Each structure stands twice: as structure tokens, then as C-alpha cells.
Protein backbone atom coordinates (compact mmCIF):
# COMPACT_ATOMS: atom_id res chain seq x y z
CA MET A 1 8.70 -17.29 -22.26
CA GLU A 2 11.69 -15.00 -20.74
CA SER A 3 11.39 -14.92 -17.39
CA GLY A 4 12.23 -10.97 -16.66
CA SER A 5 9.42 -9.93 -19.39
CA VAL A 6 5.86 -9.16 -19.16
CA MET A 7 3.36 -10.10 -22.18
CA GLY A 8 6.24 -12.11 -23.94
CA GLU A 9 9.71 -12.13 -25.59
CA HIS A 10 10.88 -9.24 -27.85
CA CYS A 11 11.46 -9.62 -31.61
CA PRO A 12 10.24 -13.43 -31.83
CA ALA A 13 12.52 -15.43 -34.38
CA SER A 14 9.21 -16.65 -35.35
CA THR A 15 5.13 -16.16 -36.67
CA LEU A 16 4.50 -18.98 -33.90
CA GLN A 17 6.13 -17.08 -31.24
CA LEU A 18 4.55 -13.71 -31.98
CA GLU A 19 0.97 -15.79 -32.33
CA SER A 20 1.84 -17.14 -28.35
CA ARG A 21 2.91 -13.44 -27.63
CA VAL A 22 -0.65 -12.02 -28.92
CA ALA A 23 -2.71 -14.44 -26.99
CA LEU A 24 -0.77 -14.49 -23.53
CA ALA A 25 -1.46 -10.55 -23.98
CA ARG A 26 -4.86 -10.55 -24.89
CA GLU A 27 -5.35 -13.04 -21.94
CA GLN A 28 -3.56 -10.99 -19.52
CA LEU A 29 -5.46 -7.27 -20.76
CA LEU A 30 -8.61 -9.07 -20.43
CA ALA A 31 -7.64 -10.12 -16.70
CA SER A 32 -6.62 -6.41 -15.81
CA ALA A 33 -10.20 -4.96 -15.70
CA PRO A 34 -13.45 -6.73 -15.04
CA ASP A 35 -15.12 -3.95 -17.17
CA LEU A 36 -12.70 -4.58 -19.90
CA ARG A 37 -13.96 -5.85 -23.42
CA GLU A 38 -12.26 -6.63 -26.65
CA TRP A 39 -13.28 -6.66 -30.29
CA GLN A 40 -11.03 -7.31 -33.28
CA GLU A 41 -11.22 -4.28 -35.33
CA ALA A 42 -13.17 -4.75 -39.02
CA GLY A 43 -10.61 -5.59 -41.49
CA ARG A 44 -7.70 -5.39 -39.25
CA GLN A 45 -6.08 -8.99 -38.38
CA SER A 46 -3.70 -7.74 -36.24
CA ARG A 47 -5.58 -5.40 -33.94
CA PHE A 48 -7.78 -5.79 -31.03
CA ALA A 49 -9.32 -2.91 -29.55
CA TYR A 50 -10.43 -2.48 -25.56
CA GLY A 51 -12.82 -0.27 -24.17
CA ASN A 52 -15.26 -0.59 -20.91
CA VAL A 53 -18.32 -2.38 -22.00
CA SER A 54 -19.84 1.02 -22.14
CA GLY A 55 -17.55 3.27 -23.26
CA PRO A 56 -15.33 3.65 -26.46
CA VAL A 57 -11.96 2.52 -27.23
CA VAL A 58 -8.82 3.79 -25.46
CA MET A 59 -6.32 1.17 -25.77
CA ARG A 60 -5.52 -1.26 -29.08
CA LEU A 61 -3.02 -4.31 -29.39
CA VAL A 62 -1.55 -3.66 -32.50
CA VAL A 63 0.92 -6.52 -33.79
CA ASP A 64 3.51 -5.33 -36.19
CA PRO A 65 5.90 -7.72 -36.22
CA PRO A 66 8.15 -8.67 -34.66
CA ASN A 67 6.64 -5.98 -32.25
CA LEU A 68 3.49 -5.98 -29.55
CA LEU A 69 2.38 -2.36 -29.23
CA LEU A 70 -0.38 -1.50 -26.75
CA HIS A 71 -1.67 1.76 -28.04
CA PHE A 72 -3.31 4.57 -25.79
CA ALA A 73 -5.83 6.64 -27.82
CA GLU A 74 -5.27 9.46 -25.16
CA GLY A 75 -1.79 8.60 -23.99
CA ALA A 76 -0.75 12.11 -24.04
CA ALA A 77 -3.19 12.51 -21.04
CA LEU A 78 -2.30 9.45 -18.91
CA PRO A 79 0.41 9.79 -16.07
CA ASP A 80 3.43 7.52 -16.72
CA PRO A 81 5.76 8.77 -14.02
CA ALA A 82 7.72 5.11 -14.77
CA GLY A 83 8.27 6.68 -18.49
CA LEU A 84 6.68 3.23 -20.09
CA LEU A 85 4.91 5.57 -22.67
CA ARG A 86 6.61 6.17 -26.16
CA GLY A 87 5.55 8.47 -29.35
CA VAL A 88 5.44 12.14 -29.55
CA GLY A 89 1.43 12.80 -31.02
CA ARG A 90 -0.83 14.73 -29.89
CA ARG A 91 -2.61 12.69 -28.13
CA GLY A 92 -1.81 8.69 -28.79
CA ARG A 93 0.88 6.98 -27.03
CA TYR A 94 2.46 3.78 -26.81
CA VAL A 95 3.95 0.66 -25.20
CA CYS A 96 6.21 -1.48 -26.48
CA LEU A 97 4.90 -4.66 -24.94
CA GLY A 98 8.18 -6.76 -25.51
CA ALA A 99 10.40 -3.85 -23.29
CA VAL A 100 7.89 -4.24 -20.45
CA LYS A 101 10.03 -5.82 -17.35
CA ALA A 102 8.49 -7.67 -14.46
CA GLN A 103 8.79 -5.04 -12.53
CA ASP A 104 7.47 -2.51 -14.91
CA ARG A 105 4.06 -4.56 -14.44
CA PRO A 106 2.50 -2.60 -11.88
CA ALA A 107 2.69 0.65 -13.97
CA LEU A 108 1.69 -0.68 -16.81
CA LEU A 109 -1.30 -1.84 -15.09
CA ALA A 110 -1.56 1.60 -13.58
CA LEU A 111 -1.82 2.64 -17.15
CA ILE A 112 -4.63 0.63 -18.45
CA GLY A 113 -6.40 1.30 -15.14
CA ALA A 114 -5.77 5.02 -15.74
CA ALA A 115 -6.94 5.24 -19.82
CA LEU A 116 -9.99 2.89 -18.64
CA CYS A 117 -10.95 5.92 -16.22
CA ASN A 118 -9.42 8.76 -18.06
CA GLY A 119 -12.63 11.08 -18.58
CA ASN A 120 -15.25 8.71 -16.95
CA GLU A 121 -16.35 7.70 -13.88
CA CYS A 122 -13.88 4.63 -13.20
CA ARG A 123 -15.13 1.38 -12.78
CA SER A 124 -12.34 -1.28 -13.50
CA GLN A 125 -10.24 -1.94 -10.65
CA THR A 126 -6.57 -2.36 -11.48
């Protein structure tokens, strides 16, 4: 893994590298908030959904080779002072994890925390 990136390198050269990046991203996402749960979406080998233990899906880890994207279901409503979110959809936004640098990690964790708290009582800590 590149020393300046978070959750893996951008545009890996092989499937093995992509699988390693996905495993690392899943591990770091689950470690980011104690109430976060993960499940693989039925029939979607390349998507993992995330939400609070008792809440709806708020994020999806999307494997779109060679990219690894973290999609926020209500991303348009999230505060993003660091400008990490991409997309122009009415509701959803995403972060290309390969483009996130080490210095952006606190901003990414803040986005995850805000997504988990969006419209709900915040129970997780980032």
C-alpha cells in the first residue's frame, strides 16, 4: 500500500491487489464506528452495505475495478468541508477511496460519522 493513501492504492494492477484493498477498506470501515454493521447485498458480489445496528443502509462499499468507492446514500445532505464527496445526484454522493490521502482520513471519518447520525440520534463515535 502506498504510504500516502488511506484504504488502499488507486487503480491496482491486479485482482489480488483489489481484493486486498477491499479487505482493508472493510476492516477500517467496521473499526470506524462501534455500531456499524456490514452485510453483502444479495446477488451483488461487489457491494457491501453499511448501517447502524438498528438503522437503514447509509453507505455502500462498491467495487468497480479498478476503483473502490464509498457511496453515501444521503451524501448530498452531509457536511463536507474537505470536499471529498463526488457526484451530482439528487441524494447520493461517493468518495473514491484511492484518492483519499492520509491527511484526509479525519475528514473521511467525519463523513462516516455524519452519515450514521444523519436524521437519527447519533450513537457511534468517530
